[in-house]
PDB file of N, CA and C in Angstrom:
ATOM      1  N   MET A   1       4.378  22.215   0.464  1.00  0.00           N
ATOM      2  CA  MET A   1       4.309  20.954   0.806  1.00  0.00           C
ATOM      3  C   MET A   1       3.268  20.256   1.437  1.00  0.00           C
ATOM      4  N   GLU A   2       2.452  19.180   0.894  1.00  0.00           N
ATOM      5  CA  GLU A   2       1.465  18.570   1.571  1.00  0.00           C
ATOM      6  C   GLU A   2       2.077  17.528   2.679  1.00  0.00           C
ATOM      7  N   ASN A   3       1.545  17.684   4.056  1.00  0.00           N
ATOM      8  CA  ASN A   3       1.839  16.551   4.838  1.00  0.00           C
ATOM      9  C   ASN A   3       1.633  14.942   4.289  1.00  0.00           C
ATOM     10  N   PHE A   4       2.483  14.228   4.426  1.00  0.00           N
ATOM     11  CA  PHE A   4       2.280  13.110   4.469  1.00  0.00           C
ATOM     12  C   PHE A   4       2.236  12.109   5.834  1.00  0.00           C
ATOM     13  N   THR A   5       1.832  11.282   5.814  1.00  0.00           N
ATOM     14  CA  THR A   5       1.032  10.618   6.973  1.00  0.00           C
ATOM     15  C   THR A   5       0.773   9.065   6.812  1.00  0.00           C
ATOM     16  N   VAL A   6       1.636   8.166   7.886  1.00  0.00           N
ATOM     17  CA  VAL A   6       1.422   6.575   7.538  1.00  0.00           C
ATOM     18  C   VAL A   6       0.876   6.287   8.797  1.00  0.00           C
ATOM     19  N   ASP A   7      -0.488   5.528   9.035  1.00  0.00           N
ATOM     20  CA  ASP A   7      -0.945   5.094  10.203  1.00  0.00           C
ATOM     21  C   ASP A   7      -0.989   3.067   9.741  1.00  0.00           C
ATOM     22  N   ILE A   8      -0.632   2.424  10.940  1.00  0.00           N
ATOM     23  CA  ILE A   8      -0.335   1.266  10.932  1.00  0.00           C
ATOM     24  C   ILE A   8      -1.304   0.604  11.832  1.00  0.00           C
ATOM     25  N   ASP A   9      -2.444  -0.132  11.420  1.00  0.00           N
ATOM     26  CA  ASP A   9      -3.123  -1.156  12.680  1.00  0.00           C
ATOM     27  C   ASP A   9      -3.122  -2.297  12.162  1.00  0.00           C
ATOM     28  N   TRP A  10      -3.244  -3.025  13.311  1.00  0.00           N
ATOM     29  CA  TRP A  10      -3.000  -4.576  13.202  1.00  0.00           C
ATOM     30  C   TRP A  10      -4.652  -5.134  13.399  1.00  0.00           C
ATOM     31  N   HIS A  11      -5.092  -5.720  12.273  1.00  0.00           N
ATOM     32  CA  HIS A  11      -6.294  -6.623  12.353  1.00  0.00           C
ATOM     33  C   HIS A  11      -6.137  -8.213  11.930  1.00  0.00           C
ATOM     34  N   GLY A  12      -6.660  -8.750  13.111  1.00  0.00           N
ATOM     35  CA  GLY A  12      -6.255  -9.985  13.141  1.00  0.00           C
ATOM     36  C   GLY A  12      -5.259 -10.448  12.839  1.00  0.00           C
ATOM     37  N   THR A  13      -4.879 -11.086  11.090  1.00  0.00           N
ATOM     38  CA  THR A  13      -4.075 -11.732  10.202  1.00  0.00           C
ATOM     39  C   THR A  13      -3.377 -10.545   9.371  1.00  0.00           C
ATOM     40  N   ALA A  14      -3.977  -9.425   9.589  1.00  0.00           N
ATOM     41  CA  ALA A  14      -3.902  -8.403   8.242  1.00  0.00           C
ATOM     42  C   ALA A  14      -2.946  -7.192   9.059  1.00  0.00           C
ATOM     43  N   VAL A  15      -2.541  -6.382   8.322  1.00  0.00           N
ATOM     44  CA  VAL A  15      -1.926  -5.169   8.617  1.00  0.00           C
ATOM     45  C   VAL A  15      -2.300  -4.234   7.782  1.00  0.00           C
ATOM     46  N   VAL A  16      -2.833  -3.085   8.394  1.00  0.00           N
ATOM     47  CA  VAL A  16      -3.627  -2.258   7.431  1.00  0.00           C
ATOM     48  C   VAL A  16      -2.961  -0.814   7.799  1.00  0.00           C
ATOM     49  N   ILE A  17      -2.383  -0.399   6.323  1.00  0.00           N
ATOM     50  CA  ILE A  17      -1.725   0.711   6.070  1.00  0.00           C
ATOM     51  C   ILE A  17      -2.542   1.719   5.538  1.00  0.00           C
ATOM     52  N   ARG A  18      -2.646   3.024   6.359  1.00  0.00           N
ATOM     53  CA  ARG A  18      -3.482   3.923   5.662  1.00  0.00           C
ATOM     54  C   ARG A  18      -2.688   5.349   5.511  1.00  0.00           C
ATOM     55  N   LEU A  19      -2.750   5.289   4.316  1.00  0.00           N
ATOM     56  CA  LEU A  19      -1.793   6.696   3.640  1.00  0.00           C
ATOM     57  C   LEU A  19      -2.809   7.588   3.485  1.00  0.00           C
ATOM     58  N   SER A  20      -2.188   9.438   3.412  1.00  0.00           N
ATOM     59  CA  SER A  20      -2.596  10.200   3.497  1.00  0.00           C
ATOM     60  C   SER A  20      -2.005  11.257   2.996  1.00  0.00           C
ATOM     61  N   GLY A  21      -2.082  12.249   2.163  1.00  0.00           N
ATOM     62  CA  GLY A  21      -1.435  13.314   1.354  1.00  0.00           C
ATOM     63  C   GLY A  21      -0.482  12.669   0.382  1.00  0.00           C
ATOM     64  N   GLU A  22       0.767  13.158  -0.226  1.00  0.00           N
ATOM     65  CA  GLU A  22       1.388  13.228  -1.326  1.00  0.00           C
ATOM     66  C   GLU A  22       2.313  12.359  -0.929  1.00  0.00           C
ATOM     67  N   LEU A  23       2.482  11.280  -1.691  1.00  0.00           N
ATOM     68  CA  LEU A  23       3.190  10.122  -2.003  1.00  0.00           C
ATOM     69  C   LEU A  23       4.180  10.364  -2.928  1.00  0.00           C
ATOM     70  N   ASP A  24       5.710  10.573  -2.835  1.00  0.00           N
ATOM     71  CA  ASP A  24       6.237  11.324  -3.853  1.00  0.00           C
ATOM     72  C   ASP A  24       7.922  10.896  -3.208  1.00  0.00           C
ATOM     73  N   LEU A  25       8.811  11.605  -3.939  1.00  0.00           N
ATOM     74  CA  LEU A  25      10.313  11.246  -3.632  1.00  0.00           C
ATOM     75  C   LEU A  25      10.401  11.455  -2.440  1.00  0.00           C
ATOM     76  N   ALA A  26      10.136  12.431  -2.175  1.00  0.00           N
ATOM     77  CA  ALA A  26      10.551  12.999  -0.472  1.00  0.00           C
ATOM     78  C   ALA A  26       9.694  12.406   0.367  1.00  0.00           C
ATOM     79  N   THR A  27       8.601  11.790   0.430  1.00  0.00           N
ATOM     80  CA  THR A  27       7.965  10.681   1.336  1.00  0.00           C
ATOM     81  C   THR A  27       7.923   9.259   1.114  1.00  0.00           C
ATOM     82  N   ALA A  28       8.197   8.969  -0.054  1.00  0.00           N
ATOM     83  CA  ALA A  28       8.354   7.354  -0.271  1.00  0.00           C
ATOM     84  C   ALA A  28       9.419   6.489   0.750  1.00  0.00           C
ATOM     85  N   PRO A  29      10.313   7.033   1.240  1.00  0.00           N
ATOM     86  CA  PRO A  29      10.777   6.585   2.081  1.00  0.00           C
ATOM     87  C   PRO A  29      10.262   5.815   3.446  1.00  0.00           C
ATOM     88  N   THR A  30       9.510   7.027   3.961  1.00  0.00           N
ATOM     89  CA  THR A  30       8.781   6.827   5.042  1.00  0.00           C
ATOM     90  C   THR A  30       7.613   5.635   4.605  1.00  0.00           C
ATOM     91  N   LEU A  31       6.980   5.386   3.783  1.00  0.00           N
ATOM     92  CA  LEU A  31       6.173   4.116   3.615  1.00  0.00           C
ATOM     93  C   LEU A  31       7.335   3.073   3.208  1.00  0.00           C
ATOM     94  N   ARG A  32       8.457   3.015   2.881  1.00  0.00           N
ATOM     95  CA  ARG A  32       9.372   1.774   2.607  1.00  0.00           C
ATOM     96  C   ARG A  32       9.779   1.499   4.111  1.00  0.00           C
ATOM     97  N   ASP A  33       9.673   2.641   4.847  1.00  0.00           N
ATOM     98  CA  ASP A  33      10.201   2.191   6.140  1.00  0.00           C
ATOM     99  C   ASP A  33       9.233   1.350   6.748  1.00  0.00           C
ATOM    100  N   CYS A  34       7.779   1.953   6.946  1.00  0.00           N
ATOM    101  CA  CYS A  34       6.718   1.295   7.531  1.00  0.00           C
ATOM    102  C   CYS A  34       6.086  -0.340   6.747  1.00  0.00           C
ATOM    103  N   LEU A  35       6.440   0.079   5.628  1.00  0.00           N
ATOM    104  CA  LEU A  35       6.418  -1.492   5.027  1.00  0.00           C
ATOM    105  C   LEU A  35       7.299  -2.483   5.506  1.00  0.00           C
ATOM    106  N   GLY A  36       8.695  -2.282   5.597  1.00  0.00           N
ATOM    107  CA  GLY A  36       9.506  -2.838   6.139  1.00  0.00           C
ATOM    108  C   GLY A  36       9.318  -3.221   7.647  1.00  0.00           C
ATOM    109  N   VAL A  37       8.839  -2.458   8.304  1.00  0.00           N
ATOM    110  CA  VAL A  37       8.417  -2.628   9.734  1.00  0.00           C
ATOM    111  C   VAL A  37       7.369  -3.871   9.887  1.00  0.00           C
ATOM    112  N   ALA A  38       6.390  -3.472   9.084  1.00  0.00           N
ATOM    113  CA  ALA A  38       5.149  -4.554   9.059  1.00  0.00           C
ATOM    114  C   ALA A  38       5.698  -5.639   8.881  1.00  0.00           C
ATOM    115  N   LEU A  39       6.745  -5.934   8.247  1.00  0.00           N
ATOM    116  CA  LEU A  39       6.976  -7.271   7.577  1.00  0.00           C
ATOM    117  C   LEU A  39       7.820  -7.785   8.695  1.00  0.00           C
ATOM    118  N   ALA A  40       8.675  -6.938   9.312  1.00  0.00           N
ATOM    119  CA  ALA A  40       9.574  -7.257  10.209  1.00  0.00           C
ATOM    120  C   ALA A  40       8.984  -7.921  11.678  1.00  0.00           C
ATOM    121  N   GLU A  41       8.347  -7.156  12.051  1.00  0.00           N
ATOM    122  CA  GLU A  41       7.220  -7.142  13.162  1.00  0.00           C
ATOM    123  C   GLU A  41       6.396  -7.957  13.647  1.00  0.00           C
ATOM    124  N   PHE A  42       5.726  -8.135  11.998  1.00  0.00           N
ATOM    125  CA  PHE A  42       4.233  -9.069  12.235  1.00  0.00           C
ATOM    126  C   PHE A  42       4.710 -10.386  11.345  1.00  0.00           C
ATOM    127  N   GLY A  43       5.821 -10.605  11.066  1.00  0.00           N
ATOM    128  CA  GLY A  43       6.266 -12.028  10.086  1.00  0.00           C
ATOM    129  C   GLY A  43       5.625 -11.766   8.934  1.00  0.00           C
ATOM    130  N   SER A  44       4.650 -12.396   8.107  1.00  0.00           N
ATOM    131  CA  SER A  44       4.443 -12.460   6.941  1.00  0.00           C
ATOM    132  C   SER A  44       3.267 -12.194   6.840  1.00  0.00           C
ATOM    133  N   PRO A  45       2.843 -11.103   7.096  1.00  0.00           N
ATOM    134  CA  PRO A  45       1.019 -10.872   7.234  1.00  0.00           C
ATOM    135  C   PRO A  45       0.445 -10.438   5.760  1.00  0.00           C
ATOM    136  N   THR A  46      -0.686 -10.422   5.634  1.00  0.00           N
ATOM    137  CA  THR A  46      -1.325  -9.967   4.675  1.00  0.00           C
ATOM    138  C   THR A  46      -1.190  -8.349   4.897  1.00  0.00           C
ATOM    139  N   LEU A  47      -0.916  -7.573   4.401  1.00  0.00           N
ATOM    140  CA  LEU A  47      -0.587  -6.180   4.148  1.00  0.00           C
ATOM    141  C   LEU A  47      -1.639  -5.505   3.125  1.00  0.00           C
ATOM    142  N   VAL A  48      -2.464  -4.636   3.471  1.00  0.00           N
ATOM    143  CA  VAL A  48      -3.295  -4.062   2.757  1.00  0.00           C
ATOM    144  C   VAL A  48      -2.994  -2.687   2.923  1.00  0.00           C
ATOM    145  N   VAL A  49      -2.802  -1.581   1.848  1.00  0.00           N
ATOM    146  CA  VAL A  49      -2.218  -0.243   1.728  1.00  0.00           C
ATOM    147  C   VAL A  49      -3.539   0.296   1.586  1.00  0.00           C
ATOM    148  N   ASP A  50      -4.345   1.353   2.340  1.00  0.00           N
ATOM    149  CA  ASP A  50      -5.310   1.914   2.209  1.00  0.00           C
ATOM    150  C   ASP A  50      -4.776   3.126   1.527  1.00  0.00           C
ATOM    151  N   THR A  51      -5.020   3.669   0.420  1.00  0.00           N
ATOM    152  CA  THR A  51      -4.813   4.724  -0.295  1.00  0.00           C
ATOM    153  C   THR A  51      -5.968   5.924  -0.245  1.00  0.00           C
ATOM    154  N   GLY A  52      -6.746   5.808   0.222  1.00  0.00           N
ATOM    155  CA  GLY A  52      -8.284   6.726  -0.070  1.00  0.00           C
ATOM    156  C   GLY A  52      -7.479   8.003   0.131  1.00  0.00           C
ATOM    157  N   GLY A  53      -6.705   8.171   1.123  1.00  0.00           N
ATOM    158  CA  GLY A  53      -6.308   9.316   1.881  1.00  0.00           C
ATOM    159  C   GLY A  53      -5.133  10.185   0.791  1.00  0.00           C
ATOM    160  N   LEU A  54      -4.631   9.612  -0.345  1.00  0.00           N
ATOM    161  CA  LEU A  54      -3.726   9.977  -1.193  1.00  0.00           C
ATOM    162  C   LEU A  54      -3.927  10.865  -2.058  1.00  0.00           C
ATOM    163  N   THR A  55      -3.078  12.253  -1.901  1.00  0.00           N
ATOM    164  CA  THR A  55      -3.707  13.288  -3.054  1.00  0.00           C
ATOM    165  C   THR A  55      -2.995  13.320  -4.291  1.00  0.00           C
ATOM    166  N   PHE A  56      -1.825  12.495  -4.053  1.00  0.00           N
ATOM    167  CA  PHE A  56      -0.770  12.317  -5.002  1.00  0.00           C
ATOM    168  C   PHE A  56       0.080  11.383  -4.995  1.00  0.00           C
ATOM    169  N   CYS A  57       0.732  10.614  -6.265  1.00  0.00           N
ATOM    170  CA  CYS A  57       1.412   9.469  -6.255  1.00  0.00           C
ATOM    171  C   CYS A  57       2.259   9.672  -7.540  1.00  0.00           C
ATOM    172  N   ASP A  58       3.695   9.840  -7.248  1.00  0.00           N
ATOM    173  CA  ASP A  58       4.753   9.636  -8.251  1.00  0.00           C
ATOM    174  C   ASP A  58       4.906   8.145  -8.473  1.00  0.00           C
ATOM    175  N   SER A  59       5.666   8.237  -9.504  1.00  0.00           N
ATOM    176  CA  SER A  59       6.731   7.034  -9.999  1.00  0.00           C
ATOM    177  C   SER A  59       7.829   6.444  -8.470  1.00  0.00           C
ATOM    178  N   SER A  60       7.981   7.266  -7.853  1.00  0.00           N
ATOM    179  CA  SER A  60       8.557   6.943  -6.681  1.00  0.00           C
ATOM    180  C   SER A  60       7.774   5.979  -5.652  1.00  0.00           C
ATOM    181  N   GLY A  61       6.818   6.735  -5.333  1.00  0.00           N
ATOM    182  CA  GLY A  61       5.682   6.146  -4.500  1.00  0.00           C
ATOM    183  C   GLY A  61       5.225   4.963  -5.364  1.00  0.00           C
ATOM    184  N   LEU A  62       4.987   4.751  -6.242  1.00  0.00           N
ATOM    185  CA  LEU A  62       4.470   3.387  -7.099  1.00  0.00           C
ATOM    186  C   LEU A  62       5.749   2.575  -6.935  1.00  0.00           C
ATOM    187  N   SER A  63       6.948   2.743  -7.366  1.00  0.00           N
ATOM    188  CA  SER A  63       7.841   2.049  -6.812  1.00  0.00           C
ATOM    189  C   SER A  63       8.104   1.378  -5.303  1.00  0.00           C
ATOM    190  N   VAL A  64       7.844   2.048  -4.413  1.00  0.00           N
ATOM    191  CA  VAL A  64       8.200   1.624  -3.098  1.00  0.00           C
ATOM    192  C   VAL A  64       6.679   0.953  -2.877  1.00  0.00           C
ATOM    193  N   LEU A  65       5.387   0.915  -3.471  1.00  0.00           N
ATOM    194  CA  LEU A  65       4.093  -0.272  -3.331  1.00  0.00           C
ATOM    195  C   LEU A  65       4.754  -1.739  -4.043  1.00  0.00           C
ATOM    196  N   LEU A  66       5.448  -1.127  -5.293  1.00  0.00           N
ATOM    197  CA  LEU A  66       5.819  -2.149  -6.209  1.00  0.00           C
ATOM    198  C   LEU A  66       6.856  -3.031  -4.856  1.00  0.00           C
ATOM    199  N   SER A  67       7.675  -2.411  -4.478  1.00  0.00           N
ATOM    200  CA  SER A  67       8.642  -3.144  -3.833  1.00  0.00           C
ATOM    201  C   SER A  67       8.270  -4.090  -2.939  1.00  0.00           C
ATOM    202  N   GLY A  68       7.389  -3.201  -1.932  1.00  0.00           N
ATOM    203  CA  GLY A  68       6.629  -3.773  -1.023  1.00  0.00           C
ATOM    204  C   GLY A  68       5.512  -4.634  -1.310  1.00  0.00           C
ATOM    205  N   LEU A  69       5.332  -4.760  -2.291  1.00  0.00           N
ATOM    206  CA  LEU A  69       4.660  -6.213  -2.830  1.00  0.00           C
ATOM    207  C   LEU A  69       5.214  -7.205  -3.034  1.00  0.00           C
ATOM    208  N   SER A  70       6.380  -6.779  -3.530  1.00  0.00           N
ATOM    209  CA  SER A  70       7.613  -8.154  -4.065  1.00  0.00           C
ATOM    210  C   SER A  70       8.283  -8.655  -2.616  1.00  0.00           C
ATOM    211  N   LEU A  71       8.609  -7.786  -1.404  1.00  0.00           N
ATOM    212  CA  LEU A  71       8.946  -8.013  -0.007  1.00  0.00           C
ATOM    213  C   LEU A  71       7.918  -8.778   0.292  1.00  0.00           C
ATOM    214  N   ALA A  72       6.646  -8.534   0.477  1.00  0.00           N
ATOM    215  CA  ALA A  72       5.404  -9.303   0.983  1.00  0.00           C
ATOM    216  C   ALA A  72       5.573 -10.776   0.435  1.00  0.00           C
ATOM    217  N   GLU A  73       5.503 -10.616  -0.850  1.00  0.00           N
ATOM    218  CA  GLU A  73       5.005 -11.779  -1.572  1.00  0.00           C
ATOM    219  C   GLU A  73       6.389 -13.052  -1.147  1.00  0.00           C
ATOM    220  N   SER A  74       7.977 -12.658  -1.019  1.00  0.00           N
ATOM    221  CA  SER A  74       8.954 -13.374  -0.500  1.00  0.00           C
ATOM    222  C   SER A  74       8.919 -13.775   0.467  1.00  0.00           C
ATOM    223  N   ALA A  75       8.232 -12.977   1.749  1.00  0.00           N
ATOM    224  CA  ALA A  75       8.071 -13.399   2.924  1.00  0.00           C
ATOM    225  C   ALA A  75       6.908 -14.491   3.010  1.00  0.00           C
ATOM    226  N   GLY A  76       6.061 -14.869   1.877  1.00  0.00           N
ATOM    227  CA  GLY A  76       5.042 -15.678   2.457  1.00  0.00           C
ATOM    228  C   GLY A  76       3.647 -15.039   2.186  1.00  0.00           C
ATOM    229  N   GLY A  77       3.533 -13.441   2.544  1.00  0.00           N
ATOM    230  CA  GLY A  77       2.727 -12.935   2.424  1.00  0.00           C
ATOM    231  C   GLY A  77       1.893 -12.295   1.167  1.00  0.00           C
ATOM    232  N   SER A  78       1.178 -11.048   1.641  1.00  0.00           N
ATOM    233  CA  SER A  78       0.754 -10.615   0.517  1.00  0.00           C
ATOM    234  C   SER A  78       0.486  -8.992   0.461  1.00  0.00           C
ATOM    235  N   LEU A  79       0.297  -8.520  -0.438  1.00  0.00           N
ATOM    236  CA  LEU A  79       0.063  -7.188  -0.395  1.00  0.00           C
ATOM    237  C   LEU A  79      -1.018  -6.197  -1.371  1.00  0.00           C
ATOM    238  N   ALA A  80      -2.353  -5.837  -0.869  1.00  0.00           N
ATOM    239  CA  ALA A  80      -2.926  -5.455  -1.714  1.00  0.00           C
ATOM    240  C   ALA A  80      -3.142  -3.884  -1.137  1.00  0.00           C
ATOM    241  N   LEU A  81      -3.973  -3.296  -2.364  1.00  0.00           N
ATOM    242  CA  LEU A  81      -4.451  -2.086  -2.272  1.00  0.00           C
ATOM    243  C   LEU A  81      -5.784  -1.649  -2.367  1.00  0.00           C
ATOM    244  N   SER A  82      -6.207  -0.828  -1.172  1.00  0.00           N
ATOM    245  CA  SER A  82      -7.716  -0.394  -1.468  1.00  0.00           C
ATOM    246  C   SER A  82      -7.871   1.285  -1.600  1.00  0.00           C
ATOM    247  N   ALA A  83      -8.925   1.580  -1.757  1.00  0.00           N
ATOM    248  CA  ALA A  83      -9.627   2.628  -1.906  1.00  0.00           C
ATOM    249  C   ALA A  83      -8.670   3.830  -2.935  1.00  0.00           C
ATOM    250  N   VAL A  84      -8.299   2.686  -3.874  1.00  0.00           N
ATOM    251  CA  VAL A  84      -7.612   3.557  -5.043  1.00  0.00           C
ATOM    252  C   VAL A  84      -8.412   4.219  -6.181  1.00  0.00           C
ATOM    253  N   GLY A  85      -7.995   5.413  -6.121  1.00  0.00           N
ATOM    254  CA  GLY A  85      -8.891   6.374  -6.922  1.00  0.00           C
ATOM    255  C   GLY A  85      -7.943   7.652  -7.695  1.00  0.00           C
ATOM    256  N   GLY A  86      -8.793   8.304  -8.556  1.00  0.00           N
ATOM    257  CA  GLY A  86      -7.955   9.435  -8.990  1.00  0.00           C
ATOM    258  C   GLY A  86      -6.741   9.099  -9.766  1.00  0.00           C
ATOM    259  N   GLN A  87      -5.792   9.961  -9.493  1.00  0.00           N
ATOM    260  CA  GLN A  87      -4.326   9.924 -10.110  1.00  0.00           C
ATOM    261  C   GLN A  87      -4.032   8.765  -9.835  1.00  0.00           C
ATOM    262  N   LEU A  88      -3.494   8.004  -8.560  1.00  0.00           N
ATOM    263  CA  LEU A  88      -3.059   6.718  -8.637  1.00  0.00           C
ATOM    264  C   LEU A  88      -3.951   5.805  -9.532  1.00  0.00           C
ATOM    265  N   ALA A  89      -5.062   5.630  -9.241  1.00  0.00           N
ATOM    266  CA  ALA A  89      -5.855   4.341 -10.609  1.00  0.00           C
ATOM    267  C   ALA A  89      -5.253   4.826 -11.825  1.00  0.00           C
ATOM    268  N   ARG A  90      -4.912   5.958 -12.313  1.00  0.00           N
ATOM    269  CA  ARG A  90      -4.772   6.433 -13.815  1.00  0.00           C
ATOM    270  C   ARG A  90      -3.258   5.808 -13.695  1.00  0.00           C
ATOM    271  N   LEU A  91      -2.418   5.935 -12.721  1.00  0.00           N
ATOM    272  CA  LEU A  91      -0.978   5.639 -12.998  1.00  0.00           C
ATOM    273  C   LEU A  91      -0.938   4.165 -12.847  1.00  0.00           C
ATOM    274  N   LEU A  92      -1.877   3.620 -12.070  1.00  0.00           N
ATOM    275  CA  LEU A  92      -1.867   2.138 -12.349  1.00  0.00           C
ATOM    276  C   LEU A  92      -2.309   1.374 -13.607  1.00  0.00           C
ATOM    277  N   ALA A  93      -3.326   2.164 -13.946  1.00  0.00           N
ATOM    278  CA  ALA A  93      -3.536   1.703 -15.345  1.00  0.00           C
ATOM    279  C   ALA A  93      -2.829   1.926 -16.631  1.00  0.00           C
ATOM    280  N   VAL A  94      -2.192   3.324 -16.321  1.00  0.00           N
ATOM    281  CA  VAL A  94      -1.104   3.384 -17.657  1.00  0.00           C
ATOM    282  C   VAL A  94       0.185   2.656 -17.502  1.00  0.00           C
ATOM    283  N   THR A  95       0.763   2.111 -16.346  1.00  0.00           N
ATOM    284  CA  THR A  95       1.601   1.321 -16.174  1.00  0.00           C
ATOM    285  C   THR A  95       1.368  -0.039 -16.206  1.00  0.00           C
ATOM    286  N   GLY A  96       0.200  -0.296 -16.521  1.00  0.00           N
ATOM    287  CA  GLY A  96      -0.123  -1.936 -16.288  1.00  0.00           C
ATOM    288  C   GLY A  96       0.032  -2.910 -15.082  1.00  0.00           C
ATOM    289  N   LEU A  97       0.487  -2.119 -14.119  1.00  0.00           N
ATOM    290  CA  LEU A  97       0.465  -2.451 -12.656  1.00  0.00           C
ATOM    291  C   LEU A  97      -0.962  -2.553 -12.038  1.00  0.00           C
ATOM    292  N   ASN A  98      -2.196  -2.142 -12.485  1.00  0.00           N
ATOM    293  CA  ASN A  98      -3.400  -2.688 -11.922  1.00  0.00           C
ATOM    294  C   ASN A  98      -3.557  -3.813 -11.801  1.00  0.00           C
ATOM    295  N   ALA A  99      -2.825  -4.897 -12.723  1.00  0.00           N
ATOM    296  CA  ALA A  99      -3.099  -6.080 -13.174  1.00  0.00           C
ATOM    297  C   ALA A  99      -2.291  -6.768 -12.152  1.00  0.00           C
ATOM    298  N   ARG A 100      -0.928  -6.211 -11.534  1.00  0.00           N
ATOM    299  CA  ARG A 100      -0.118  -6.809 -10.682  1.00  0.00           C
ATOM    300  C   ARG A 100      -0.424  -6.902  -9.031  1.00  0.00           C
ATOM    301  N   PHE A 101      -1.229  -5.735  -8.882  1.00  0.00           N
ATOM    302  CA  PHE A 101      -1.938  -5.642  -7.393  1.00  0.00           C
ATOM    303  C   PHE A 101      -3.454  -6.093  -7.345  1.00  0.00           C
ATOM    304  N   GLN A 102      -3.559  -6.848  -6.452  1.00  0.00           N
ATOM    305  CA  GLN A 102      -4.999  -6.997  -5.832  1.00  0.00           C
ATOM    306  C   GLN A 102      -5.526  -5.383  -5.275  1.00  0.00           C
ATOM    307  N   ILE A 103      -6.628  -5.540  -6.193  1.00  0.00           N
ATOM    308  CA  ILE A 103      -7.218  -3.855  -5.936  1.00  0.00           C
ATOM    309  C   ILE A 103      -8.632  -3.901  -5.227  1.00  0.00           C
ATOM    310  N   PHE A 104      -8.765  -3.267  -4.012  1.00  0.00           N
ATOM    311  CA  PHE A 104     -10.353  -3.687  -3.521  1.00  0.00           C
ATOM    312  C   PHE A 104     -10.912  -2.201  -3.225  1.00  0.00           C
ATOM    313  N   THR A 105     -12.282  -2.058  -3.371  1.00  0.00           N
ATOM    314  CA  THR A 105     -12.848  -0.836  -3.451  1.00  0.00           C
ATOM    315  C   THR A 105     -12.719  -0.106  -2.125  1.00  0.00           C
ATOM    316  N   THR A 106     -12.870  -0.901  -1.080  1.00  0.00           N
ATOM    317  CA  THR A 106     -12.679  -0.529   0.526  1.00  0.00           C
ATOM    318  C   THR A 106     -11.817  -1.358   1.217  1.00  0.00           C
ATOM    319  N   THR A 107     -11.432  -0.723   2.352  1.00  0.00           N
ATOM    320  CA  THR A 107     -10.576  -1.606   3.451  1.00  0.00           C
ATOM    321  C   THR A 107     -11.085  -2.914   4.056  1.00  0.00           C
ATOM    322  N   PRO A 108     -12.245  -3.083   4.322  1.00  0.00           N
ATOM    323  CA  PRO A 108     -12.976  -3.964   4.970  1.00  0.00           C
ATOM    324  C   PRO A 108     -13.343  -5.341   3.414  1.00  0.00           C
ATOM    325  N   GLU A 109     -13.558  -4.678   2.642  1.00  0.00           N
ATOM    326  CA  GLU A 109     -13.626  -5.669   1.473  1.00  0.00           C
ATOM    327  C   GLU A 109     -12.077  -6.659   1.430  1.00  0.00           C
ATOM    328  N   ALA A 110     -11.292  -5.899   1.254  1.00  0.00           N
ATOM    329  CA  ALA A 110      -9.903  -6.278   1.221  1.00  0.00           C
ATOM    330  C   ALA A 110      -9.612  -7.172   2.479  1.00  0.00           C
ATOM    331  N   LEU A 111      -9.869  -6.914   3.427  1.00  0.00           N
ATOM    332  CA  LEU A 111      -9.628  -7.735   4.706  1.00  0.00           C
ATOM    333  C   LEU A 111     -10.432  -9.005   4.644  1.00  0.00           C
ATOM    334  N   ASP A 112     -11.740  -8.778   4.373  1.00  0.00           N
ATOM    335  CA  ASP A 112     -12.955 -10.220   4.244  1.00  0.00           C
ATOM    336  C   ASP A 112     -12.060 -10.826   3.096  1.00  0.00           C
ATOM    337  N   ARG A 113     -12.019 -10.567   2.132  1.00  0.00           N
ATOM    338  CA  ARG A 113     -11.556 -11.592   0.914  1.00  0.00           C
ATOM    339  C   ARG A 113      -9.948 -12.120   1.106  1.00  0.00           C
ATOM    340  N   MET A 114      -9.003 -11.225   1.674  1.00  0.00           N
ATOM    341  CA  MET A 114      -7.823 -11.510   1.857  1.00  0.00           C
ATOM    342  C   MET A 114      -7.358 -12.725   2.758  1.00  0.00           C
ATOM    343  N   GLU A 115      -8.521 -12.665   4.110  1.00  0.00           N
ATOM    344  CA  GLU A 115      -8.375 -13.492   5.256  1.00  0.00           C
ATOM    345  C   GLU A 115      -8.532 -14.627   4.701  1.00  0.00           C
TER     346      GLU A 115
END
């Protein structure tokens, strides 16, 4: 099993959540908890989830990302994805969720365009 890590950084009015490893049924609760912490501790921030380090994402991971988007919007904030590629990009396209998320090529681009 590949390690899954989540790093959270504060950037002005935005929180950047960097993911690496496999986001699946076993690791999705870790991301859910981190999204909850970001929303609770930072109010209703702009959340940017940098997925560049993900090597895999299944439906459980996608569900947590979608839940995070809904929670952020309900709190008056927003959630965008950056550095989306490979399998996650295909999963978003197949499910049509690429139209639901704001998706940026890089995290700096997301921060510039969202703030």
